């Protein structure tokens, strides 16, 4: 029986390539995405700052989650100002829904050991 070819990540870091075990990589990568749902950019920032040197996977996923949450925070602020025009009443809930849905998707992918890329995200931190 022939073993299937392994996924090389397409140049993206894979879990288990740094100081952390593969399980810890997945856990911290998952936490970076999950905490963003509840803490905006603070959770991903803390995970990234603490673990970025221990794992290429956590470094990559922490930056990705942090960039996404920074963009979402900017969206929340703009929507708050637009509430006086009533447009913000539509955009603010939309940002919340997008943050939750994409955050869950990122959490699930990181838990599977796959790097996740948020759509429409400006990569502020490279």
PDB file of N, CA and C in Angstrom:
ATOM      1  N   UNK A   1       0.839  -1.178   0.000  1.00  0.00           N
ATOM      2  CA  UNK A   1       0.000   0.000   0.000  1.00  0.00           C
ATOM      3  C   UNK A   1       0.887   1.245   0.000  1.00  0.00           C
ATOM      4  N   UNK A   2       0.610   2.117  -0.877  1.00  0.00           N
ATOM      5  CA  UNK A   2       1.410   3.322  -1.044  1.00  0.00           C
ATOM      6  C   UNK A   2       0.874   4.428  -0.141  1.00  0.00           C
ATOM      7  N   UNK A   3       1.771   5.164   0.514  1.00  0.00           N
ATOM      8  CA  UNK A   3       1.337   6.263   1.368  1.00  0.00           C
ATOM      9  C   UNK A   3       1.074   7.492   0.512  1.00  0.00           C
ATOM     10  N   UNK A   4       0.027   8.244   0.862  1.00  0.00           N
ATOM     11  CA  UNK A   4      -0.279   9.439   0.076  1.00  0.00           C
ATOM     12  C   UNK A   4       0.797  10.498   0.280  1.00  0.00           C
ATOM     13  N   UNK A   5       0.989  11.361  -0.699  1.00  0.00           N
ATOM     14  CA  UNK A   5       1.990  12.420  -0.544  1.00  0.00           C
ATOM     15  C   UNK A   5       1.586  13.365   0.574  1.00  0.00           C
ATOM     16  N   UNK A   6       2.562  13.866   1.296  1.00  0.00           N
ATOM     17  CA  UNK A   6       2.256  14.777   2.392  1.00  0.00           C
ATOM     18  C   UNK A   6       2.152  16.204   1.864  1.00  0.00           C
ATOM     19  N   UNK A   7       1.387  16.994   2.565  1.00  0.00           N
ATOM     20  CA  UNK A   7       1.222  18.405   2.225  1.00  0.00           C
ATOM     21  C   UNK A   7       2.414  19.162   2.780  1.00  0.00           C
ATOM     22  N   UNK A   8       3.091  19.883   1.944  1.00  0.00           N
ATOM     23  CA  UNK A   8       4.281  20.601   2.401  1.00  0.00           C
ATOM     24  C   UNK A   8       3.971  22.013   2.886  1.00  0.00           C
ATOM     25  N   UNK A   9       2.708  22.412   2.877  1.00  0.00           N
ATOM     26  CA  UNK A   9       2.324  23.723   3.375  1.00  0.00           C
ATOM     27  C   UNK A   9       2.464  24.834   2.359  1.00  0.00           C
ATOM     28  N   UNK A  10       2.947  24.545   1.166  1.00  0.00           N
ATOM     29  CA  UNK A  10       3.067  25.570   0.134  1.00  0.00           C
ATOM     30  C   UNK A  10       3.943  26.729   0.560  1.00  0.00           C
ATOM     31  N   UNK A  11       4.991  26.451   1.311  1.00  0.00           N
ATOM     32  CA  UNK A  11       5.869  27.510   1.778  1.00  0.00           C
ATOM     33  C   UNK A  11       5.464  28.082   3.119  1.00  0.00           C
ATOM     34  N   UNK A  12       4.291  27.692   3.630  1.00  0.00           N
ATOM     35  CA  UNK A  12       3.846  28.153   4.932  1.00  0.00           C
ATOM     36  C   UNK A  12       4.410  27.231   6.003  1.00  0.00           C
ATOM     37  N   UNK A  13       4.684  27.760   7.202  1.00  0.00           N
ATOM     38  CA  UNK A  13       5.228  26.910   8.251  1.00  0.00           C
ATOM     39  C   UNK A  13       4.210  25.874   8.713  1.00  0.00           C
ATOM     40  N   UNK A  14       4.714  24.709   9.075  1.00  0.00           N
ATOM     41  CA  UNK A  14       3.878  23.625   9.567  1.00  0.00           C
ATOM     42  C   UNK A  14       4.119  23.436  11.056  1.00  0.00           C
ATOM     43  N   UNK A  15       3.138  22.889  11.788  1.00  0.00           N
ATOM     44  CA  UNK A  15       3.326  22.633  13.214  1.00  0.00           C
ATOM     45  C   UNK A  15       4.491  21.683  13.458  1.00  0.00           C
ATOM     46  N   UNK A  16       5.158  21.876  14.596  1.00  0.00           N
ATOM     47  CA  UNK A  16       6.230  20.985  14.997  1.00  0.00           C
ATOM     48  C   UNK A  16       7.595  21.336  14.436  1.00  0.00           C
ATOM     49  N   UNK A  17       7.743  22.474  13.761  1.00  0.00           N
ATOM     50  CA  UNK A  17       9.029  22.832  13.163  1.00  0.00           C
ATOM     51  C   UNK A  17       9.902  23.681  14.088  1.00  0.00           C
ATOM     52  N   UNK A  18       9.375  24.113  15.219  1.00  0.00           N
ATOM     53  CA  UNK A  18      10.144  24.963  16.130  1.00  0.00           C
ATOM     54  C   UNK A  18      10.414  24.259  17.442  1.00  0.00           C
ATOM     55  N   UNK A  19      10.511  25.048  18.518  1.00  0.00           N
ATOM     56  CA  UNK A  19      10.791  24.516  19.849  1.00  0.00           C
ATOM     57  C   UNK A  19       9.584  23.805  20.449  1.00  0.00           C
ATOM     58  N   UNK A  20       8.390  24.143  19.981  1.00  0.00           N
ATOM     59  CA  UNK A  20       7.170  23.552  20.522  1.00  0.00           C
ATOM     60  C   UNK A  20       6.850  22.240  19.815  1.00  0.00           C
ATOM     61  N   UNK A  21       6.122  21.388  20.521  1.00  0.00           N
ATOM     62  CA  UNK A  21       5.663  20.151  19.893  1.00  0.00           C
ATOM     63  C   UNK A  21       4.562  20.487  18.889  1.00  0.00           C
ATOM     64  N   UNK A  22       4.239  19.535  18.044  1.00  0.00           N
ATOM     65  CA  UNK A  22       3.184  19.757  17.051  1.00  0.00           C
ATOM     66  C   UNK A  22       1.861  20.066  17.738  1.00  0.00           C
ATOM     67  N   UNK A  23       1.570  19.373  18.836  1.00  0.00           N
ATOM     68  CA  UNK A  23       0.315  19.603  19.569  1.00  0.00           C
ATOM     69  C   UNK A  23       0.285  21.019  20.149  1.00  0.00           C
ATOM     70  N   UNK A  24       1.404  21.450  20.753  1.00  0.00           N
ATOM     71  CA  UNK A  24       1.459  22.805  21.308  1.00  0.00           C
ATOM     72  C   UNK A  24       1.356  23.861  20.213  1.00  0.00           C
ATOM     73  N   UNK A  25       1.985  23.606  19.083  1.00  0.00           N
ATOM     74  CA  UNK A  25       1.867  24.513  17.936  1.00  0.00           C
ATOM     75  C   UNK A  25       0.405  24.711  17.558  1.00  0.00           C
ATOM     76  N   UNK A  26      -0.291  23.611  17.410  1.00  0.00           N
ATOM     77  CA  UNK A  26      -1.707  23.680  17.026  1.00  0.00           C
ATOM     78  C   UNK A  26      -2.515  24.417  18.086  1.00  0.00           C
ATOM     79  N   UNK A  27      -2.228  24.127  19.361  1.00  0.00           N
ATOM     80  CA  UNK A  27      -2.979  24.758  20.450  1.00  0.00           C
ATOM     81  C   UNK A  27      -2.781  26.268  20.461  1.00  0.00           C
ATOM     82  N   UNK A  28      -1.533  26.718  20.389  1.00  0.00           N
ATOM     83  CA  UNK A  28      -1.279  28.163  20.425  1.00  0.00           C
ATOM     84  C   UNK A  28      -1.741  28.855  19.144  1.00  0.00           C
ATOM     85  N   UNK A  29      -1.613  28.190  18.009  1.00  0.00           N
ATOM     86  CA  UNK A  29      -2.151  28.745  16.769  1.00  0.00           C
ATOM     87  C   UNK A  29      -3.656  28.902  16.843  1.00  0.00           C
ATOM     88  N   UNK A  30      -4.309  27.881  17.407  1.00  0.00           N
ATOM     89  CA  UNK A  30      -5.756  27.910  17.570  1.00  0.00           C
ATOM     90  C   UNK A  30      -6.163  29.024  18.539  1.00  0.00           C
ATOM     91  N   UNK A  31      -5.430  29.158  19.646  1.00  0.00           N
ATOM     92  CA  UNK A  31      -5.750  30.197  20.626  1.00  0.00           C
ATOM     93  C   UNK A  31      -5.614  31.600  20.045  1.00  0.00           C
ATOM     94  N   UNK A  32      -4.636  31.802  19.186  1.00  0.00           N
ATOM     95  CA  UNK A  32      -4.459  33.124  18.572  1.00  0.00           C
ATOM     96  C   UNK A  32      -5.715  33.526  17.806  1.00  0.00           C
ATOM     97  N   UNK A  33      -6.301  32.584  17.085  1.00  0.00           N
ATOM     98  CA  UNK A  33      -7.520  32.879  16.325  1.00  0.00           C
ATOM     99  C   UNK A  33      -8.736  32.978  17.249  1.00  0.00           C
ATOM    100  N   UNK A  34      -8.852  32.052  18.180  1.00  0.00           N
ATOM    101  CA  UNK A  34     -10.026  31.993  19.053  1.00  0.00           C
ATOM    102  C   UNK A  34     -10.107  33.197  19.982  1.00  0.00           C
ATOM    103  N   UNK A  35      -8.998  33.578  20.577  1.00  0.00           N
ATOM    104  CA  UNK A  35      -9.011  34.714  21.499  1.00  0.00           C
ATOM    105  C   UNK A  35      -9.373  36.019  20.803  1.00  0.00           C
ATOM    106  N   UNK A  36      -9.089  36.115  19.519  1.00  0.00           N
ATOM    107  CA  UNK A  36      -9.450  37.316  18.776  1.00  0.00           C
ATOM    108  C   UNK A  36     -10.947  37.567  18.761  1.00  0.00           C
ATOM    109  N   UNK A  37     -11.735  36.496  18.807  1.00  0.00           N
ATOM    110  CA  UNK A  37     -13.195  36.643  18.817  1.00  0.00           C
ATOM    111  C   UNK A  37     -13.643  37.362  20.084  1.00  0.00           C
ATOM    112  N   UNK A  38     -12.988  37.069  21.206  1.00  0.00           N
ATOM    113  CA  UNK A  38     -13.424  37.593  22.501  1.00  0.00           C
ATOM    114  C   UNK A  38     -12.649  38.822  22.969  1.00  0.00           C
ATOM    115  N   UNK A  39     -11.413  38.992  22.490  1.00  0.00           N
ATOM    116  CA  UNK A  39     -10.572  40.068  23.019  1.00  0.00           C
ATOM    117  C   UNK A  39     -10.086  41.045  21.950  1.00  0.00           C
ATOM    118  N   UNK A  40     -10.638  40.947  20.761  1.00  0.00           N
ATOM    119  CA  UNK A  40     -10.175  41.759  19.616  1.00  0.00           C
ATOM    120  C   UNK A  40      -8.696  41.472  19.382  1.00  0.00           C
ATOM    121  N   UNK A  41      -7.858  42.480  19.314  1.00  0.00           N
ATOM    122  CA  UNK A  41      -6.454  42.246  18.966  1.00  0.00           C
ATOM    123  C   UNK A  41      -5.581  41.871  20.163  1.00  0.00           C
ATOM    124  N   UNK A  42      -6.077  42.000  21.395  1.00  0.00           N
ATOM    125  CA  UNK A  42      -5.236  41.749  22.569  1.00  0.00           C
ATOM    126  C   UNK A  42      -4.825  40.284  22.716  1.00  0.00           C
ATOM    127  N   UNK A  43      -5.757  39.353  22.539  1.00  0.00           N
ATOM    128  CA  UNK A  43      -5.437  37.931  22.660  1.00  0.00           C
ATOM    129  C   UNK A  43      -4.393  37.486  21.651  1.00  0.00           C
ATOM    130  N   UNK A  44      -4.624  37.742  20.353  1.00  0.00           N
ATOM    131  CA  UNK A  44      -3.602  37.374  19.367  1.00  0.00           C
ATOM    132  C   UNK A  44      -2.260  38.072  19.608  1.00  0.00           C
ATOM    133  N   UNK A  45      -2.300  39.318  20.071  1.00  0.00           N
ATOM    134  CA  UNK A  45      -1.061  40.048  20.343  1.00  0.00           C
ATOM    135  C   UNK A  45      -0.259  39.361  21.448  1.00  0.00           C
ATOM    136  N   UNK A  46      -0.935  38.971  22.522  1.00  0.00           N
ATOM    137  CA  UNK A  46      -0.249  38.313  23.642  1.00  0.00           C
ATOM    138  C   UNK A  46       0.333  36.973  23.207  1.00  0.00           C
ATOM    139  N   UNK A  47      -0.467  36.160  22.518  1.00  0.00           N
ATOM    140  CA  UNK A  47       0.022  34.856  22.040  1.00  0.00           C
ATOM    141  C   UNK A  47       1.221  35.056  21.120  1.00  0.00           C
ATOM    142  N   UNK A  48       1.111  35.993  20.200  1.00  0.00           N
ATOM    143  CA  UNK A  48       2.191  36.222  19.236  1.00  0.00           C
ATOM    144  C   UNK A  48       3.464  36.699  19.938  1.00  0.00           C
ATOM    145  N   UNK A  49       3.341  37.656  20.856  1.00  0.00           N
ATOM    146  CA  UNK A  49       4.528  38.179  21.535  1.00  0.00           C
ATOM    147  C   UNK A  49       5.218  37.123  22.396  1.00  0.00           C
ATOM    148  N   UNK A  50       4.437  36.265  23.038  1.00  0.00           N
ATOM    149  CA  UNK A  50       5.012  35.262  23.934  1.00  0.00           C
ATOM    150  C   UNK A  50       5.625  34.092  23.170  1.00  0.00           C
ATOM    151  N   UNK A  51       4.986  33.644  22.089  1.00  0.00           N
ATOM    152  CA  UNK A  51       5.386  32.396  21.436  1.00  0.00           C
ATOM    153  C   UNK A  51       5.994  32.549  20.043  1.00  0.00           C
ATOM    154  N   UNK A  52       6.158  33.762  19.548  1.00  0.00           N
ATOM    155  CA  UNK A  52       6.623  33.939  18.165  1.00  0.00           C
ATOM    156  C   UNK A  52       8.011  33.364  17.913  1.00  0.00           C
ATOM    157  N   UNK A  53       8.866  33.374  18.912  1.00  0.00           N
ATOM    158  CA  UNK A  53      10.227  32.863  18.731  1.00  0.00           C
ATOM    159  C   UNK A  53      10.328  31.352  18.933  1.00  0.00           C
ATOM    160  N   UNK A  54       9.271  30.752  19.468  1.00  0.00           N
ATOM    161  CA  UNK A  54       9.293  29.313  19.752  1.00  0.00           C
ATOM    162  C   UNK A  54       8.810  28.460  18.595  1.00  0.00           C
ATOM    163  N   UNK A  55       8.081  29.071  17.662  1.00  0.00           N
ATOM    164  CA  UNK A  55       7.475  28.263  16.609  1.00  0.00           C
ATOM    165  C   UNK A  55       7.178  29.104  15.371  1.00  0.00           C
ATOM    166  N   UNK A  56       7.645  28.684  14.206  1.00  0.00           N
ATOM    167  CA  UNK A  56       7.294  29.394  12.973  1.00  0.00           C
ATOM    168  C   UNK A  56       5.786  29.366  12.707  1.00  0.00           C
ATOM    169  N   UNK A  57       5.119  28.263  13.054  1.00  0.00           N
ATOM    170  CA  UNK A  57       3.673  28.142  12.826  1.00  0.00           C
ATOM    171  C   UNK A  57       2.906  29.129  13.703  1.00  0.00           C
ATOM    172  N   UNK A  58       3.244  29.193  14.993  1.00  0.00           N
ATOM    173  CA  UNK A  58       2.560  30.116  15.903  1.00  0.00           C
ATOM    174  C   UNK A  58       2.890  31.557  15.528  1.00  0.00           C
ATOM    175  N   UNK A  59       4.115  31.826  15.122  1.00  0.00           N
ATOM    176  CA  UNK A  59       4.495  33.160  14.664  1.00  0.00           C
ATOM    177  C   UNK A  59       3.624  33.580  13.479  1.00  0.00           C
ATOM    178  N   UNK A  60       3.492  32.698  12.504  1.00  0.00           N
ATOM    179  CA  UNK A  60       2.702  32.983  11.306  1.00  0.00           C
ATOM    180  C   UNK A  60       1.222  33.171  11.638  1.00  0.00           C
ATOM    181  N   UNK A  61       0.657  32.255  12.394  1.00  0.00           N
ATOM    182  CA  UNK A  61      -0.770  32.322  12.697  1.00  0.00           C
ATOM    183  C   UNK A  61      -1.096  33.446  13.675  1.00  0.00           C
ATOM    184  N   UNK A  62      -0.169  33.727  14.595  1.00  0.00           N
ATOM    185  CA  UNK A  62      -0.363  34.850  15.507  1.00  0.00           C
ATOM    186  C   UNK A  62      -0.397  36.175  14.764  1.00  0.00           C
ATOM    187  N   UNK A  63       0.529  36.349  13.815  1.00  0.00           N
ATOM    188  CA  UNK A  63       0.536  37.573  12.998  1.00  0.00           C
ATOM    189  C   UNK A  63      -0.728  37.673  12.157  1.00  0.00           C
ATOM    190  N   UNK A  64      -1.151  36.556  11.595  1.00  0.00           N
ATOM    191  CA  UNK A  64      -2.348  36.559  10.744  1.00  0.00           C
ATOM    192  C   UNK A  64      -3.579  36.954  11.554  1.00  0.00           C
ATOM    193  N   UNK A  65      -3.749  36.340  12.729  1.00  0.00           N
ATOM    194  CA  UNK A  65      -4.896  36.661  13.582  1.00  0.00           C
ATOM    195  C   UNK A  65      -4.809  38.104  14.071  1.00  0.00           C
ATOM    196  N   UNK A  66      -3.616  38.548  14.424  1.00  0.00           N
ATOM    197  CA  UNK A  66      -3.427  39.918  14.893  1.00  0.00           C
ATOM    198  C   UNK A  66      -3.756  40.928  13.799  1.00  0.00           C
ATOM    199  N   UNK A  67      -3.266  40.712  12.598  1.00  0.00           N
ATOM    200  CA  UNK A  67      -3.581  41.612  11.481  1.00  0.00           C
ATOM    201  C   UNK A  67      -5.081  41.684  11.234  1.00  0.00           C
ATOM    202  N   UNK A  68      -5.742  40.528  11.245  1.00  0.00           N
ATOM    203  CA  UNK A  68      -7.187  40.505  11.016  1.00  0.00           C
ATOM    204  C   UNK A  68      -7.916  41.286  12.104  1.00  0.00           C
ATOM    205  N   UNK A  69      -7.536  41.078  13.351  1.00  0.00           N
ATOM    206  CA  UNK A  69      -8.227  41.757  14.447  1.00  0.00           C
ATOM    207  C   UNK A  69      -7.934  43.257  14.467  1.00  0.00           C
ATOM    208  N   UNK A  70      -6.762  43.661  14.017  1.00  0.00           N
ATOM    209  CA  UNK A  70      -6.480  45.101  13.890  1.00  0.00           C
ATOM    210  C   UNK A  70      -7.403  45.715  12.840  1.00  0.00           C
ATOM    211  N   UNK A  71      -7.563  45.036  11.706  1.00  0.00           N
ATOM    212  CA  UNK A  71      -8.466  45.516  10.654  1.00  0.00           C
ATOM    213  C   UNK A  71      -9.904  45.564  11.175  1.00  0.00           C
ATOM    214  N   UNK A  72     -10.322  44.546  11.925  1.00  0.00           N
ATOM    215  CA  UNK A  72     -11.677  44.528  12.485  1.00  0.00           C
ATOM    216  C   UNK A  72     -11.860  45.673  13.482  1.00  0.00           C
ATOM    217  N   UNK A  73     -10.857  45.944  14.303  1.00  0.00           N
ATOM    218  CA  UNK A  73     -10.942  47.035  15.274  1.00  0.00           C
ATOM    219  C   UNK A  73     -11.082  48.378  14.564  1.00  0.00           C
ATOM    220  N   UNK A  74     -10.338  48.568  13.496  1.00  0.00           N
ATOM    221  CA  UNK A  74     -10.483  49.789  12.694  1.00  0.00           C
ATOM    222  C   UNK A  74     -11.906  49.874  12.143  1.00  0.00           C
ATOM    223  N   UNK A  75     -12.441  48.752  11.683  1.00  0.00           N
ATOM    224  CA  UNK A  75     -13.818  48.717  11.189  1.00  0.00           C
ATOM    225  C   UNK A  75     -14.827  49.069  12.266  1.00  0.00           C
ATOM    226  N   UNK A  76     -14.604  48.560  13.497  1.00  0.00           N
ATOM    227  CA  UNK A  76     -15.508  48.886  14.609  1.00  0.00           C
ATOM    228  C   UNK A  76     -15.486  50.384  14.904  1.00  0.00           C
ATOM    229  N   UNK A  77     -14.299  50.965  14.894  1.00  0.00           N
ATOM    230  CA  UNK A  77     -14.168  52.394  15.192  1.00  0.00           C
ATOM    231  C   UNK A  77     -14.861  53.228  14.119  1.00  0.00           C
ATOM    232  N   UNK A  78     -14.627  52.908  12.861  1.00  0.00           N
ATOM    233  CA  UNK A  78     -15.276  53.642  11.767  1.00  0.00           C
ATOM    234  C   UNK A  78     -16.789  53.474  11.840  1.00  0.00           C
ATOM    235  N   UNK A  79     -17.250  52.261  12.114  1.00  0.00           N
ATOM    236  CA  UNK A  79     -18.692  52.014  12.223  1.00  0.00           C
ATOM    237  C   UNK A  79     -19.301  52.801  13.374  1.00  0.00           C
ATOM    238  N   UNK A  80     -18.565  52.935  14.469  1.00  0.00           N
ATOM    239  CA  UNK A  80     -19.065  53.709  15.609  1.00  0.00           C
ATOM    240  C   UNK A  80     -19.300  55.164  15.214  1.00  0.00           C
ATOM    241  N   UNK A  81     -18.368  55.726  14.450  1.00  0.00           N
ATOM    242  CA  UNK A  81     -18.542  57.103  13.989  1.00  0.00           C
ATOM    243  C   UNK A  81     -19.695  57.217  12.989  1.00  0.00           C
ATOM    244  N   UNK A  82     -19.910  56.175  12.203  1.00  0.00           N
ATOM    245  CA  UNK A  82     -20.970  56.202  11.195  1.00  0.00           C
ATOM    246  C   UNK A  82     -22.361  55.948  11.776  1.00  0.00           C
ATOM    247  N   UNK A  83     -22.442  55.636  13.052  1.00  0.00           N
ATOM    248  CA  UNK A  83     -23.754  55.395  13.666  1.00  0.00           C
ATOM    249  C   UNK A  83     -24.623  56.643  13.618  1.00  0.00           C
ATOM    250  N   UNK A  84     -24.006  57.806  13.645  1.00  0.00           N
ATOM    251  CA  UNK A  84     -24.788  59.039  13.566  1.00  0.00           C
ATOM    252  C   UNK A  84     -25.473  59.172  12.208  1.00  0.00           C
ATOM    253  N   UNK A  85     -24.931  58.511  11.192  1.00  0.00           N
ATOM    254  CA  UNK A  85     -25.541  58.524   9.860  1.00  0.00           C
ATOM    255  C   UNK A  85     -26.416  57.292   9.621  1.00  0.00           C
ATOM    256  N   UNK A  86     -26.554  56.481  10.636  1.00  0.00           N
ATOM    257  CA  UNK A  86     -27.331  55.238  10.606  1.00  0.00           C
ATOM    258  C   UNK A  86     -26.690  54.128   9.769  1.00  0.00           C
ATOM    259  N   UNK A  87     -25.638  54.435   9.032  1.00  0.00           N
ATOM    260  CA  UNK A  87     -24.944  53.395   8.265  1.00  0.00           C
ATOM    261  C   UNK A  87     -24.217  52.461   9.225  1.00  0.00           C
ATOM    262  N   UNK A  88     -23.681  53.045  10.295  1.00  0.00           N
ATOM    263  CA  UNK A  88     -22.955  52.260  11.284  1.00  0.00           C
ATOM    264  C   UNK A  88     -23.810  51.214  11.964  1.00  0.00           C
ATOM    265  N   UNK A  89     -25.132  51.464  12.008  1.00  0.00           N
ATOM    266  CA  UNK A  89     -26.048  50.478  12.603  1.00  0.00           C
ATOM    267  C   UNK A  89     -26.075  49.191  11.786  1.00  0.00           C
ATOM    268  N   UNK A  90     -25.706  49.271  10.525  1.00  0.00           N
ATOM    269  CA  UNK A  90     -25.636  48.082   9.666  1.00  0.00           C
ATOM    270  C   UNK A  90     -24.226  47.503   9.615  1.00  0.00           C
ATOM    271  N   UNK A  91     -23.233  48.383   9.564  1.00  0.00           N
ATOM    272  CA  UNK A  91     -21.863  47.884   9.402  1.00  0.00           C
ATOM    273  C   UNK A  91     -21.288  47.297  10.686  1.00  0.00           C
ATOM    274  N   UNK A  92     -21.633  47.861  11.842  1.00  0.00           N
ATOM    275  CA  UNK A  92     -21.085  47.355  13.107  1.00  0.00           C
ATOM    276  C   UNK A  92     -21.458  45.891  13.334  1.00  0.00           C
ATOM    277  N   UNK A  93     -22.750  45.526  13.237  1.00  0.00           N
ATOM    278  CA  UNK A  93     -23.092  44.102  13.390  1.00  0.00           C
ATOM    279  C   UNK A  93     -22.451  43.223  12.316  1.00  0.00           C
ATOM    280  N   UNK A  94     -22.283  43.766  11.115  1.00  0.00           N
ATOM    281  CA  UNK A  94     -21.640  42.990  10.047  1.00  0.00           C
ATOM    282  C   UNK A  94     -20.190  42.678  10.413  1.00  0.00           C
ATOM    283  N   UNK A  95     -19.481  43.644  10.984  1.00  0.00           N
ATOM    284  CA  UNK A  95     -18.103  43.405  11.417  1.00  0.00           C
ATOM    285  C   UNK A  95     -18.053  42.350  12.521  1.00  0.00           C
ATOM    286  N   UNK A  96     -19.011  42.388  13.431  1.00  0.00           N
ATOM    287  CA  UNK A  96     -19.054  41.388  14.505  1.00  0.00           C
ATOM    288  C   UNK A  96     -19.242  39.991  13.926  1.00  0.00           C
ATOM    289  N   UNK A  97     -20.188  39.850  13.009  1.00  0.00           N
ATOM    290  CA  UNK A  97     -20.456  38.540  12.398  1.00  0.00           C
ATOM    291  C   UNK A  97     -19.239  38.044  11.622  1.00  0.00           C
ATOM    292  N   UNK A  98     -18.628  38.923  10.840  1.00  0.00           N
ATOM    293  CA  UNK A  98     -17.438  38.546  10.060  1.00  0.00           C
ATOM    294  C   UNK A  98     -16.310  38.110  10.995  1.00  0.00           C
ATOM    295  N   UNK A  99     -16.110  38.842  12.077  1.00  0.00           N
ATOM    296  CA  UNK A  99     -15.053  38.502  13.029  1.00  0.00           C
ATOM    297  C   UNK A  99     -15.283  37.126  13.648  1.00  0.00           C
ATOM    298  N   UNK A 100     -16.512  36.837  14.018  1.00  0.00           N
ATOM    299  CA  UNK A 100     -16.831  35.539  14.627  1.00  0.00           C
ATOM    300  C   UNK A 100     -16.669  34.411  13.621  1.00  0.00           C
ATOM    301  N   UNK A 101     -17.247  34.561  12.440  1.00  0.00           N
ATOM    302  CA  UNK A 101     -17.208  33.491  11.435  1.00  0.00           C
ATOM    303  C   UNK A 101     -15.777  33.196  10.995  1.00  0.00           C
ATOM    304  N   UNK A 102     -15.030  34.232  10.615  1.00  0.00           N
ATOM    305  CA  UNK A 102     -13.655  33.999  10.161  1.00  0.00           C
ATOM    306  C   UNK A 102     -12.752  33.552  11.311  1.00  0.00           C
ATOM    307  N   UNK A 103     -13.017  34.047  12.528  1.00  0.00           N
ATOM    308  CA  UNK A 103     -12.247  33.602  13.689  1.00  0.00           C
ATOM    309  C   UNK A 103     -12.430  32.121  13.956  1.00  0.00           C
ATOM    310  N   UNK A 104     -13.666  31.636  13.829  1.00  0.00           N
ATOM    311  CA  UNK A 104     -13.939  30.205  14.002  1.00  0.00           C
ATOM    312  C   UNK A 104     -13.271  29.402  12.894  1.00  0.00           C
ATOM    313  N   UNK A 105     -13.323  29.907  11.672  1.00  0.00           N
ATOM    314  CA  UNK A 105     -12.670  29.204  10.559  1.00  0.00           C
ATOM    315  C   UNK A 105     -11.158  29.107  10.792  1.00  0.00           C
ATOM    316  N   UNK A 106     -10.550  30.195  11.244  1.00  0.00           N
ATOM    317  CA  UNK A 106      -9.120  30.189  11.543  1.00  0.00           C
ATOM    318  C   UNK A 106      -8.787  29.245  12.682  1.00  0.00           C
ATOM    319  N   UNK A 107      -9.642  29.220  13.700  1.00  0.00           N
ATOM    320  CA  UNK A 107      -9.449  28.315  14.835  1.00  0.00           C
ATOM    321  C   UNK A 107      -9.463  26.868  14.380  1.00  0.00           C
ATOM    322  N   UNK A 108     -10.430  26.525  13.552  1.00  0.00           N
ATOM    323  CA  UNK A 108     -10.551  25.141  13.079  1.00  0.00           C
ATOM    324  C   UNK A 108      -9.357  24.739  12.216  1.00  0.00           C
ATOM    325  N   UNK A 109      -8.928  25.616  11.321  1.00  0.00           N
ATOM    326  CA  UNK A 109      -7.788  25.300  10.450  1.00  0.00           C
ATOM    327  C   UNK A 109      -6.502  25.147  11.267  1.00  0.00           C
ATOM    328  N   UNK A 110      -6.273  26.052  12.216  1.00  0.00           N
ATOM    329  CA  UNK A 110      -5.063  25.959  13.041  1.00  0.00           C
ATOM    330  C   UNK A 110      -5.083  24.688  13.883  1.00  0.00           C
ATOM    331  N   UNK A 111      -6.250  24.298  14.363  1.00  0.00           N
ATOM    332  CA  UNK A 111      -6.373  23.065  15.140  1.00  0.00           C
ATOM    333  C   UNK A 111      -6.053  21.838  14.289  1.00  0.00           C
ATOM    334  N   UNK A 112      -6.280  21.942  12.990  1.00  0.00           N
ATOM    335  CA  UNK A 112      -5.941  20.853  12.068  1.00  0.00           C
ATOM    336  C   UNK A 112      -4.473  20.922  11.638  1.00  0.00           C
ATOM    337  N   UNK A 113      -3.775  21.969  12.062  1.00  0.00           N
ATOM    338  CA  UNK A 113      -2.368  22.122  11.699  1.00  0.00           C
ATOM    339  C   UNK A 113      -2.151  22.801  10.365  1.00  0.00           C
ATOM    340  N   UNK A 114      -3.188  23.454   9.850  1.00  0.00           N
ATOM    341  CA  UNK A 114      -3.086  24.138   8.563  1.00  0.00           C
ATOM    342  C   UNK A 114      -3.038  25.648   8.787  1.00  0.00           C
ATOM    343  N   UNK A 115      -2.167  26.311   8.061  1.00  0.00           N
ATOM    344  CA  UNK A 115      -2.095  27.767   8.138  1.00  0.00           C
ATOM    345  C   UNK A 115      -3.356  28.357   7.513  1.00  0.00           C
ATOM    346  N   UNK A 116      -3.922  29.372   8.162  1.00  0.00           N
ATOM    347  CA  UNK A 116      -5.147  30.002   7.669  1.00  0.00           C
ATOM    348  C   UNK A 116      -4.843  31.437   7.272  1.00  0.00           C
ATOM    349  N   UNK A 117      -5.391  31.859   6.164  1.00  0.00           N
ATOM    350  CA  UNK A 117      -5.265  33.234   5.689  1.00  0.00           C
ATOM    351  C   UNK A 117      -6.652  33.867   5.652  1.00  0.00           C
ATOM    352  N   UNK A 118      -6.788  34.971   6.384  1.00  0.00           N
ATOM    353  CA  UNK A 118      -8.054  35.701   6.382  1.00  0.00           C
ATOM    354  C   UNK A 118      -8.204  36.455   5.069  1.00  0.00           C
ATOM    355  N   UNK A 119      -9.384  36.402   4.474  1.00  0.00           N
ATOM    356  CA  UNK A 119      -9.600  37.201   3.261  1.00  0.00           C
ATOM    357  C   UNK A 119      -9.743  38.687   3.618  1.00  0.00           C
ATOM    358  N   UNK A 120      -9.410  39.533   2.707  1.00  0.00           N
ATOM    359  CA  UNK A 120      -9.584  40.987   2.841  1.00  0.00           C
ATOM    360  C   UNK A 120      -8.792  41.581   4.001  1.00  0.00           C
ATOM    361  N   UNK A 121      -7.682  40.972   4.375  1.00  0.00           N
ATOM    362  CA  UNK A 121      -6.897  41.472   5.499  1.00  0.00           C
ATOM    363  C   UNK A 121      -5.663  42.197   5.000  1.00  0.00           C
ATOM    364  N   UNK A 122      -5.418  43.347   5.584  1.00  0.00           N
ATOM    365  CA  UNK A 122      -4.204  44.098   5.292  1.00  0.00           C
ATOM    366  C   UNK A 122      -3.114  43.538   6.198  1.00  0.00           C
ATOM    367  N   UNK A 123      -2.022  43.113   5.630  1.00  0.00           N
ATOM    368  CA  UNK A 123      -0.928  42.522   6.408  1.00  0.00           C
ATOM    369  C   UNK A 123      -0.064  43.658   6.967  1.00  0.00           C
ATOM    370  N   UNK A 124      -0.494  44.224   8.084  1.00  0.00           N
ATOM    371  CA  UNK A 124       0.200  45.340   8.716  1.00  0.00           C
ATOM    372  C   UNK A 124       1.504  44.853   9.348  1.00  0.00           C
ATOM    373  N   UNK A 125       1.414  43.752  10.072  1.00  0.00           N
ATOM    374  CA  UNK A 125       2.586  43.146  10.707  1.00  0.00           C
ATOM    375  C   UNK A 125       3.054  42.032   9.804  1.00  0.00           C
ATOM    376  N   UNK A 126       4.274  42.131   9.322  1.00  0.00           N
ATOM    377  CA  UNK A 126       4.769  41.129   8.364  1.00  0.00           C
ATOM    378  C   UNK A 126       5.682  40.158   9.018  1.00  0.00           C
TER     379      UNK A 126
END
